[in-house]
Structures are given as structure tokens and as C-alpha cells.
Amino acid sequence: MAEIVEEIHAGKLISTAQHKVGQSIETMAKNPVQITWRDIRITAVPPKGKCKGKNALKEPKEIIKGVSGTVMPGQFLAIIGASGAGKTTLLNYLSGREISQNLDKTGTITVNGVAKQEIDNFSAISAYVQQDDILFQTMTVRECLEFAAKLKLPGTLASKLARVNELIKDLKLTKCSNTRIGGPLVKGVSGGERKRTSIGVELITDPSLIFLDEPTTGLDSFTATSVMEILGDLAKK
């Protein structure tokens, strides 16, 4: 496991939950999924208009050159490449996040055999963990998860709190659940606990597919291994 973590350090990660792949769009929100992409090509084109920056692109530049792949249920996949290779661009495109308008994109993405553009609620079955942890420094780990649960989950308060307790246990955050997140001026949790809390905020809705942008950046080898083991267990679970 340590060797795997060393390879995906500063990389991108896509994880899917383990289950039989369904075909109905209506059941995707409840069932784990398989995502497949074929011949993805992303090209940066010169900006339109007369007002262009000094370092504006003058000729089209191909960033992603015919990339294909798939993530099966129960797996997590690392996207590895040098800095500036286009890992974040590819991850953003696969997840449906808004990327620069000066990019031409071609290729097909399917989820359980259904074209991604035909799925209106793709965000309901997926989650995206950004590289930078965006958490309230003065809130505790439990408060951050409860805040996300109250915003995102339907149902009663009791069911939301039960989901928070389940996540705290799965992410091994029990000991620090009442510790502040902290920051430059506020003492708080460790880097690994902060990262697991960020992942928990996105996992609160129990998504079938989760995208992570550099989940181990800034972590030591032991903490990175711990984060990867937890993600692997969650994917299989």
C-alpha cells in the first residue's frame, strides 16, 4: 500500500462504490456506478476578441490527447502525471465541473452505459473533493459534518445526525470529532484529519462516485497511506 500511495502522491483519484452496475438512470442515485471515457481530447484555443493578455495563447495547444479509461464498481483509480500534464483538466471534465471556455472538448463519457450528457442529476450521484480544504477554522470536525448534513440531506434531524456519526466512525475521526479544524491562527486537527473531514463533507450524501484532486498532497507517507486505506475500504463497502 505504501508503494501505491507514493505513486499517487500529488495525483488525482477517482473512486467508485462496489455493487452491480445498473442501467436505469432513476436508480443511479442509490446504486454504485461504473464510469467510462473514450478518446477524450481537450485542446486550448486562443481567446476570442481584441482584448488579449500579454501571454495569451496564439495557436491551439492539445492538452489531453485521446485518453480512454474506466472505473469499475469497488475500484479507485489514480491519474498520474507530471505537473501541468492536464490531470486537473481531465478530472474536471469527467466530473462535469466548469472549466475554461477557451477549451475544445471531444470524446464520450458514459455512466452505467448511459451518455453523461443525458443524465440531469449527475451531481446527485457524484462528489468532488478539492485540493484545498475549504472548512471553517473555528468549527469542530463534528460541527462541519453536521452543517453539511443539514444542508444536503433530506429527512429528520435524527437521521442526519446518525449519518454524521456513521461517517465519523468510518473515517476514523472519533478522537478528534470535538476538536476545531484550526488554521494559521487557531490550533486544530492534523493535516490527515483535516483531509478526512473534507472527504467526509462530500461523502455525507453517500455518493456512488467521488473525484478527489490531489488527496495526499502535503501529507506524510503514513497519513497518506491511512487516507488511501480508508478510501479503499469505503469503495468496497
C-alpha atoms as a PDB file:
ATOM      1  CA  MET A   1       0.000   0.000   0.000  1.00  0.00           C
ATOM      2  CA  ALA A   2       2.872   2.394   0.742  1.00  0.00           C
ATOM      3  CA  GLU A   3       4.158   2.000  -2.817  1.00  0.00           C
ATOM      4  CA  ILE A   4       0.724   2.838  -4.227  1.00  0.00           C
ATOM      5  CA  VAL A   5       0.459   5.957  -2.083  1.00  0.00           C
ATOM      6  CA  GLU A   6       3.896   7.087  -3.217  1.00  0.00           C
ATOM      7  CA  GLU A   7       2.791   6.840  -6.850  1.00  0.00           C
ATOM      8  CA  ILE A   8      -0.482   8.726  -6.457  1.00  0.00           C
ATOM      9  CA  HIS A   9       1.019  11.440  -4.266  1.00  0.00           C
ATOM     10  CA  ALA A  10       0.124  14.786  -5.895  1.00  0.00           C
ATOM     11  CA  GLY A  11      -2.129  12.873  -8.283  1.00  0.00           C
ATOM     12  CA  LYS A  12      -5.828  12.617  -8.930  1.00  0.00           C
ATOM     13  CA  LEU A  13      -8.133   9.924  -7.694  1.00  0.00           C
ATOM     14  CA  ILE A  14     -11.490   8.562  -8.771  1.00  0.00           C
ATOM     15  CA  SER A  15     -13.302   6.095  -6.549  1.00  0.00           C
ATOM     16  CA  THR A  16     -16.473   4.096  -7.102  1.00  0.00           C
ATOM     17  CA  ALA A  17     -18.506   2.060  -4.670  1.00  0.00           C
ATOM     18  CA  GLN A  18     -18.789  -1.689  -5.134  1.00  0.00           C
ATOM     19  CA  HIS A  19     -22.088  -3.028  -6.444  1.00  0.00           C
ATOM     20  CA  LYS A  20     -23.630  -4.496  -9.569  1.00  0.00           C
ATOM     21  CA  VAL A  21     -23.767  -1.922 -12.340  1.00  0.00           C
ATOM     22  CA  GLY A  22     -27.329  -0.825 -13.029  1.00  0.00           C
ATOM     23  CA  GLN A  23     -28.729   0.601 -16.269  1.00  0.00           C
ATOM     24  CA  SER A  24     -31.597   2.779 -15.045  1.00  0.00           C
ATOM     25  CA  ILE A  25     -30.917   6.487 -14.564  1.00  0.00           C
ATOM     26  CA  GLU A  26     -33.516   6.583 -11.797  1.00  0.00           C
ATOM     27  CA  THR A  27     -31.586   4.048  -9.727  1.00  0.00           C
ATOM     28  CA  MET A  28     -28.152   5.632 -10.187  1.00  0.00           C
ATOM     29  CA  ALA A  29     -28.602   7.859  -7.159  1.00  0.00           C
ATOM     30  CA  LYS A  30     -28.983   4.738  -4.991  1.00  0.00           C
ATOM     31  CA  ASN A  31     -26.651   2.287  -6.719  1.00  0.00           C
ATOM     32  CA  PRO A  32     -22.879   2.464  -7.280  1.00  0.00           C
ATOM     33  CA  VAL A  33     -21.806   3.194 -10.813  1.00  0.00           C
ATOM     34  CA  GLN A  34     -19.243   2.473 -13.495  1.00  0.00           C
ATOM     35  CA  ILE A  35     -17.854   5.448 -15.403  1.00  0.00           C
ATOM     36  CA  THR A  36     -16.123   5.044 -18.751  1.00  0.00           C
ATOM     37  CA  TRP A  37     -14.485   7.614 -21.014  1.00  0.00           C
ATOM     38  CA  ARG A  38     -13.237   7.093 -24.565  1.00  0.00           C
ATOM     39  CA  ASP A  39     -10.890   9.156 -26.729  1.00  0.00           C
ATOM     40  CA  ILE A  40     -11.061  12.314 -24.619  1.00  0.00           C
ATOM     41  CA  ARG A  41      -9.308  15.200 -26.371  1.00  0.00           C
ATOM     42  CA  ILE A  42      -9.085  18.671 -24.849  1.00  0.00           C
ATOM     43  CA  THR A  43      -7.433  21.490 -26.772  1.00  0.00           C
ATOM     44  CA  ALA A  44      -6.706  25.010 -25.545  1.00  0.00           C
ATOM     45  CA  VAL A  45      -7.582  27.579 -28.217  1.00  0.00           C
ATOM     46  CA  PRO A  46      -6.596  31.257 -28.473  1.00  0.00           C
ATOM     47  CA  PRO A  47      -9.110  33.575 -26.749  1.00  0.00           C
ATOM     48  CA  LYS A  48     -11.554  35.439 -28.939  1.00  0.00           C
ATOM     49  CA  GLY A  49     -11.807  39.222 -29.133  1.00  0.00           C
ATOM     50  CA  LYS A  50      -9.287  42.005 -29.401  1.00  0.00           C
ATOM     51  CA  CYS A  51      -8.500  42.326 -25.699  1.00  0.00           C
ATOM     52  CA  LYS A  52      -5.931  39.595 -25.106  1.00  0.00           C
ATOM     53  CA  GLY A  53      -3.385  39.219 -22.356  1.00  0.00           C
ATOM     54  CA  LYS A  54       0.315  39.562 -22.938  1.00  0.00           C
ATOM     55  CA  ASN A  55       0.866  35.824 -22.527  1.00  0.00           C
ATOM     56  CA  ALA A  56      -2.317  34.791 -24.336  1.00  0.00           C
ATOM     57  CA  LEU A  57      -2.175  31.604 -26.380  1.00  0.00           C
ATOM     58  CA  LYS A  58      -1.564  32.312 -30.070  1.00  0.00           C
ATOM     59  CA  GLU A  59      -2.034  28.818 -31.509  1.00  0.00           C
ATOM     60  CA  PRO A  60      -4.188  25.848 -30.416  1.00  0.00           C
ATOM     61  CA  LYS A  61      -2.455  23.536 -27.934  1.00  0.00           C
ATOM     62  CA  GLU A  62      -3.647  19.988 -27.287  1.00  0.00           C
ATOM     63  CA  ILE A  63      -3.692  19.266 -23.539  1.00  0.00           C
ATOM     64  CA  ILE A  64      -5.363  15.845 -23.413  1.00  0.00           C
ATOM     65  CA  LYS A  65      -4.573  13.560 -26.340  1.00  0.00           C
ATOM     66  CA  GLY A  66      -7.027  10.698 -26.814  1.00  0.00           C
ATOM     67  CA  VAL A  67      -7.285   9.425 -23.232  1.00  0.00           C
ATOM     68  CA  SER A  68      -9.546   6.442 -22.507  1.00  0.00           C
ATOM     69  CA  GLY A  69     -10.294   4.589 -19.297  1.00  0.00           C
ATOM     70  CA  THR A  70     -12.880   3.135 -16.956  1.00  0.00           C
ATOM     71  CA  VAL A  71     -13.508   2.791 -13.226  1.00  0.00           C
ATOM     72  CA  MET A  72     -15.343  -0.344 -12.190  1.00  0.00           C
ATOM     73  CA  PRO A  73     -17.531  -0.574  -9.082  1.00  0.00           C
ATOM     74  CA  GLY A  74     -15.418  -1.133  -5.984  1.00  0.00           C
ATOM     75  CA  GLN A  75     -12.280   0.376  -7.515  1.00  0.00           C
ATOM     76  CA  PHE A  76     -10.393   3.615  -7.154  1.00  0.00           C
ATOM     77  CA  LEU A  77      -8.176   4.842  -9.947  1.00  0.00           C
ATOM     78  CA  ALA A  78      -5.165   7.161  -9.727  1.00  0.00           C
ATOM     79  CA  ILE A  79      -4.441   9.596 -12.550  1.00  0.00           C
ATOM     80  CA  ILE A  80      -0.683  10.094 -12.520  1.00  0.00           C
ATOM     81  CA  GLY A  81       1.304  12.656 -14.475  1.00  0.00           C
ATOM     82  CA  ALA A  82       3.831  15.453 -14.260  1.00  0.00           C
ATOM     83  CA  SER A  83       2.885  18.951 -13.153  1.00  0.00           C
ATOM     84  CA  GLY A  84       0.980  20.689 -15.952  1.00  0.00           C
ATOM     85  CA  ALA A  85       0.181  17.424 -17.737  1.00  0.00           C
ATOM     86  CA  GLY A  86      -3.567  18.126 -17.610  1.00  0.00           C
ATOM     87  CA  LYS A  87      -4.640  15.916 -14.698  1.00  0.00           C
ATOM     88  CA  THR A  88      -6.933  18.512 -13.130  1.00  0.00           C
ATOM     89  CA  THR A  89      -8.343  19.455 -16.549  1.00  0.00           C
ATOM     90  CA  LEU A  90      -9.267  15.822 -17.219  1.00  0.00           C
ATOM     91  CA  LEU A  91     -10.668  15.328 -13.716  1.00  0.00           C
ATOM     92  CA  ASN A  92     -12.808  18.471 -14.013  1.00  0.00           C
ATOM     93  CA  TYR A  93     -14.141  17.374 -17.394  1.00  0.00           C
ATOM     94  CA  LEU A  94     -15.021  13.883 -16.184  1.00  0.00           C
ATOM     95  CA  SER A  95     -16.766  15.263 -13.094  1.00  0.00           C
ATOM     96  CA  GLY A  96     -18.738  17.867 -15.058  1.00  0.00           C
ATOM     97  CA  ARG A  97     -17.173  20.857 -13.333  1.00  0.00           C
ATOM     98  CA  GLU A  98     -16.989  24.124 -15.258  1.00  0.00           C
ATOM     99  CA  ILE A  99     -13.636  24.566 -16.967  1.00  0.00           C
ATOM    100  CA  SER A 100     -12.238  27.324 -19.163  1.00  0.00           C
ATOM    101  CA  GLN A 101     -14.365  28.419 -22.114  1.00  0.00           C
ATOM    102  CA  ASN A 102     -11.225  28.514 -24.247  1.00  0.00           C
ATOM    103  CA  LEU A 103     -11.105  24.724 -24.414  1.00  0.00           C
ATOM    104  CA  ASP A 104     -12.408  22.486 -27.175  1.00  0.00           C
ATOM    105  CA  LYS A 105     -13.532  19.134 -25.775  1.00  0.00           C
ATOM    106  CA  THR A 106     -14.340  15.919 -27.633  1.00  0.00           C
ATOM    107  CA  GLY A 107     -14.883  12.305 -26.628  1.00  0.00           C
ATOM    108  CA  THR A 108     -17.568  10.261 -24.915  1.00  0.00           C
ATOM    109  CA  ILE A 109     -18.298   9.710 -21.228  1.00  0.00           C
ATOM    110  CA  THR A 110     -20.790   7.075 -20.131  1.00  0.00           C
ATOM    111  CA  VAL A 111     -22.161   6.213 -16.694  1.00  0.00           C
ATOM    112  CA  ASN A 112     -23.561   2.702 -16.452  1.00  0.00           C
ATOM    113  CA  GLY A 113     -23.748   2.713 -20.241  1.00  0.00           C
ATOM    114  CA  VAL A 114     -25.736   5.959 -20.378  1.00  0.00           C
ATOM    115  CA  ALA A 115     -24.200   9.036 -22.022  1.00  0.00           C
ATOM    116  CA  LYS A 116     -23.250  11.518 -19.306  1.00  0.00           C
ATOM    117  CA  GLN A 117     -24.918  14.474 -21.060  1.00  0.00           C
ATOM    118  CA  GLU A 118     -28.233  12.617 -20.859  1.00  0.00           C
ATOM    119  CA  ILE A 119     -28.080  12.456 -17.053  1.00  0.00           C
ATOM    120  CA  ASP A 120     -29.705  15.504 -15.482  1.00  0.00           C
ATOM    121  CA  ASN A 121     -28.799  14.616 -11.899  1.00  0.00           C
ATOM    122  CA  PHE A 122     -25.159  13.579 -12.277  1.00  0.00           C
ATOM    123  CA  SER A 123     -24.194  15.801  -9.334  1.00  0.00           C
ATOM    124  CA  ALA A 124     -26.613  13.794  -7.169  1.00  0.00           C
ATOM    125  CA  ILE A 125     -24.607  10.590  -7.658  1.00  0.00           C
ATOM    126  CA  SER A 126     -21.124  12.110  -7.552  1.00  0.00           C
ATOM    127  CA  ALA A 127     -18.960  14.276  -5.302  1.00  0.00           C
ATOM    128  CA  TYR A 128     -15.786  16.306  -5.801  1.00  0.00           C
ATOM    129  CA  VAL A 129     -13.123  16.897  -3.135  1.00  0.00           C
ATOM    130  CA  GLN A 130     -10.967  19.888  -3.999  1.00  0.00           C
ATOM    131  CA  GLN A 131      -7.232  20.032  -3.438  1.00  0.00           C
ATOM    132  CA  ASP A 132      -7.549  22.905  -0.962  1.00  0.00           C
ATOM    133  CA  ASP A 133      -9.578  22.149   2.150  1.00  0.00           C
ATOM    134  CA  ILE A 134     -12.389  24.682   2.418  1.00  0.00           C
ATOM    135  CA  LEU A 135     -13.538  24.307   6.031  1.00  0.00           C
ATOM    136  CA  PHE A 136     -14.470  26.730   8.800  1.00  0.00           C
ATOM    137  CA  GLN A 137     -11.430  27.010  11.068  1.00  0.00           C
ATOM    138  CA  THR A 138     -13.422  27.692  14.225  1.00  0.00           C
ATOM    139  CA  MET A 139     -15.815  24.755  13.788  1.00  0.00           C
ATOM    140  CA  THR A 140     -15.125  21.295  15.141  1.00  0.00           C
ATOM    141  CA  VAL A 141     -14.965  18.213  12.926  1.00  0.00           C
ATOM    142  CA  ARG A 142     -18.438  17.148  14.072  1.00  0.00           C
ATOM    143  CA  GLU A 143     -19.886  20.621  13.508  1.00  0.00           C
ATOM    144  CA  CYS A 144     -18.522  20.696   9.942  1.00  0.00           C
ATOM    145  CA  LEU A 145     -20.135  17.360   9.125  1.00  0.00           C
ATOM    146  CA  GLU A 146     -23.411  18.269  10.849  1.00  0.00           C
ATOM    147  CA  PHE A 147     -23.520  21.561   8.954  1.00  0.00           C
ATOM    148  CA  ALA A 148     -23.079  19.703   5.638  1.00  0.00           C
ATOM    149  CA  ALA A 149     -25.678  17.107   6.634  1.00  0.00           C
ATOM    150  CA  LYS A 150     -28.284  19.735   7.484  1.00  0.00           C
ATOM    151  CA  LEU A 151     -27.722  21.460   4.151  1.00  0.00           C
ATOM    152  CA  LYS A 152     -27.565  18.430   1.883  1.00  0.00           C
ATOM    153  CA  LEU A 153     -29.601  15.620   3.404  1.00  0.00           C
ATOM    154  CA  PRO A 154     -33.375  15.197   3.478  1.00  0.00           C
ATOM    155  CA  GLY A 155     -35.211  13.628   6.393  1.00  0.00           C
ATOM    156  CA  THR A 156     -35.303  14.202  10.116  1.00  0.00           C
ATOM    157  CA  LEU A 157     -32.584  15.707  12.267  1.00  0.00           C
ATOM    158  CA  ALA A 158     -32.088  12.338  13.955  1.00  0.00           C
ATOM    159  CA  SER A 159     -31.378  10.615  10.618  1.00  0.00           C
ATOM    160  CA  LYS A 160     -28.908  13.349   9.657  1.00  0.00           C
ATOM    161  CA  LEU A 161     -27.032  13.056  12.945  1.00  0.00           C
ATOM    162  CA  ALA A 162     -26.969   9.280  12.544  1.00  0.00           C
ATOM    163  CA  ARG A 163     -25.305   9.717   9.148  1.00  0.00           C
ATOM    164  CA  VAL A 164     -22.724  12.051  10.715  1.00  0.00           C
ATOM    165  CA  ASN A 165     -21.935   9.504  13.447  1.00  0.00           C
ATOM    166  CA  GLU A 166     -21.541   6.786  10.826  1.00  0.00           C
ATOM    167  CA  LEU A 167     -19.094   8.895   8.808  1.00  0.00           C
ATOM    168  CA  ILE A 168     -17.060   9.859  11.857  1.00  0.00           C
ATOM    169  CA  LYS A 169     -16.640   6.175  12.632  1.00  0.00           C
ATOM    170  CA  ASP A 170     -15.834   5.158   9.030  1.00  0.00           C
ATOM    171  CA  LEU A 171     -13.288   7.959   8.586  1.00  0.00           C
ATOM    172  CA  LYS A 172     -11.701   7.257  11.983  1.00  0.00           C
ATOM    173  CA  LEU A 173     -12.374  10.756  13.279  1.00  0.00           C
ATOM    174  CA  THR A 174     -13.839   9.751  16.643  1.00  0.00           C
ATOM    175  CA  LYS A 175     -10.913  11.007  18.758  1.00  0.00           C
ATOM    176  CA  CYS A 176     -10.853  14.426  17.083  1.00  0.00           C
ATOM    177  CA  SER A 177     -14.590  14.849  16.477  1.00  0.00           C
ATOM    178  CA  ASN A 178     -14.826  17.678  19.024  1.00  0.00           C
ATOM    179  CA  THR A 179     -11.553  19.361  18.020  1.00  0.00           C
ATOM    180  CA  ARG A 180     -11.555  22.575  15.987  1.00  0.00           C
ATOM    181  CA  ILE A 181     -10.428  22.421  12.376  1.00  0.00           C
ATOM    182  CA  GLY A 182      -7.947  25.178  13.060  1.00  0.00           C
ATOM    183  CA  GLY A 183      -5.748  27.260  10.803  1.00  0.00           C
ATOM    184  CA  PRO A 184      -2.811  29.692  10.828  1.00  0.00           C
ATOM    185  CA  LEU A 185      -4.080  31.452  13.952  1.00  0.00           C
ATOM    186  CA  VAL A 186      -6.151  28.665  15.523  1.00  0.00           C
ATOM    187  CA  LYS A 187      -4.674  25.381  16.716  1.00  0.00           C
ATOM    188  CA  GLY A 188      -6.620  22.456  15.340  1.00  0.00           C
ATOM    189  CA  VAL A 189      -6.581  18.965  13.875  1.00  0.00           C
ATOM    190  CA  SER A 190      -3.710  17.371  11.952  1.00  0.00           C
ATOM    191  CA  GLY A 191      -3.364  17.502   8.170  1.00  0.00           C
ATOM    192  CA  GLY A 192      -4.678  13.978   7.729  1.00  0.00           C
ATOM    193  CA  GLU A 193      -7.691  14.612   9.964  1.00  0.00           C
ATOM    194  CA  ARG A 194      -8.429  17.817   8.060  1.00  0.00           C
ATOM    195  CA  LYS A 195      -8.295  15.959   4.737  1.00  0.00           C
ATOM    196  CA  ARG A 196     -10.564  13.190   6.038  1.00  0.00           C
ATOM    197  CA  THR A 197     -13.023  15.817   7.251  1.00  0.00           C
ATOM    198  CA  SER A 198     -13.068  17.405   3.780  1.00  0.00           C
ATOM    199  CA  ILE A 199     -13.744  13.995   2.274  1.00  0.00           C
ATOM    200  CA  GLY A 200     -16.484  13.414   4.848  1.00  0.00           C
ATOM    201  CA  VAL A 201     -18.242  16.657   3.905  1.00  0.00           C
ATOM    202  CA  GLU A 202     -18.582  15.336   0.340  1.00  0.00           C
ATOM    203  CA  LEU A 203     -19.407  11.776   1.411  1.00  0.00           C
ATOM    204  CA  ILE A 204     -22.271  12.963   3.589  1.00  0.00           C
ATOM    205  CA  THR A 205     -24.762  12.329   0.751  1.00  0.00           C
ATOM    206  CA  ASP A 206     -23.382   8.807   0.221  1.00  0.00           C
ATOM    207  CA  PRO A 207     -22.415   9.363  -3.452  1.00  0.00           C
ATOM    208  CA  SER A 208     -21.697   6.430  -5.745  1.00  0.00           C
ATOM    209  CA  LEU A 209     -18.774   8.209  -7.420  1.00  0.00           C
ATOM    210  CA  ILE A 210     -16.219  10.537  -5.863  1.00  0.00           C
ATOM    211  CA  PHE A 211     -13.492  12.584  -7.535  1.00  0.00           C
ATOM    212  CA  LEU A 212     -10.518  13.756  -5.475  1.00  0.00           C
ATOM    213  CA  ASP A 213      -7.986  16.346  -6.583  1.00  0.00           C
ATOM    214  CA  GLU A 214      -4.589  15.503  -5.060  1.00  0.00           C
ATOM    215  CA  PRO A 215      -5.943  13.896  -1.860  1.00  0.00           C
ATOM    216  CA  THR A 216      -2.482  13.133  -0.443  1.00  0.00           C
ATOM    217  CA  THR A 217      -0.666  16.392  -1.206  1.00  0.00           C
ATOM    218  CA  GLY A 218       1.017  17.808   1.892  1.00  0.00           C
ATOM    219  CA  LEU A 219       0.611  14.596   3.897  1.00  0.00           C
ATOM    220  CA  ASP A 220       3.407  12.401   5.197  1.00  0.00           C
ATOM    221  CA  SER A 221       3.650   8.817   3.958  1.00  0.00           C
ATOM    222  CA  PHE A 222       1.893   7.298   6.993  1.00  0.00           C
ATOM    223  CA  THR A 223      -1.028   9.747   6.851  1.00  0.00           C
ATOM    224  CA  ALA A 224      -1.314   9.372   3.077  1.00  0.00           C
ATOM    225  CA  THR A 225      -1.421   5.599   3.474  1.00  0.00           C
ATOM    226  CA  SER A 226      -4.163   5.939   6.088  1.00  0.00           C
ATOM    227  CA  VAL A 227      -6.269   8.151   3.810  1.00  0.00           C
ATOM    228  CA  MET A 228      -5.879   5.727   0.893  1.00  0.00           C
ATOM    229  CA  GLU A 229      -6.761   2.698   3.018  1.00  0.00           C
ATOM    230  CA  ILE A 230      -9.925   4.421   4.235  1.00  0.00           C
ATOM    231  CA  LEU A 231     -10.933   5.358   0.679  1.00  0.00           C
ATOM    232  CA  GLY A 232     -10.296   1.786  -0.462  1.00  0.00           C
ATOM    233  CA  ASP A 233     -12.439   0.393   2.351  1.00  0.00           C
ATOM    234  CA  LEU A 234     -15.251   2.836   1.572  1.00  0.00           C
ATOM    235  CA  ALA A 235     -15.163   1.909  -2.128  1.00  0.00           C
ATOM    236  CA  LYS A 236     -15.503  -1.785  -1.313  1.00  0.00           C
ATOM    237  CA  LYS A 237     -18.143  -1.123   1.345  1.00  0.00           C
END
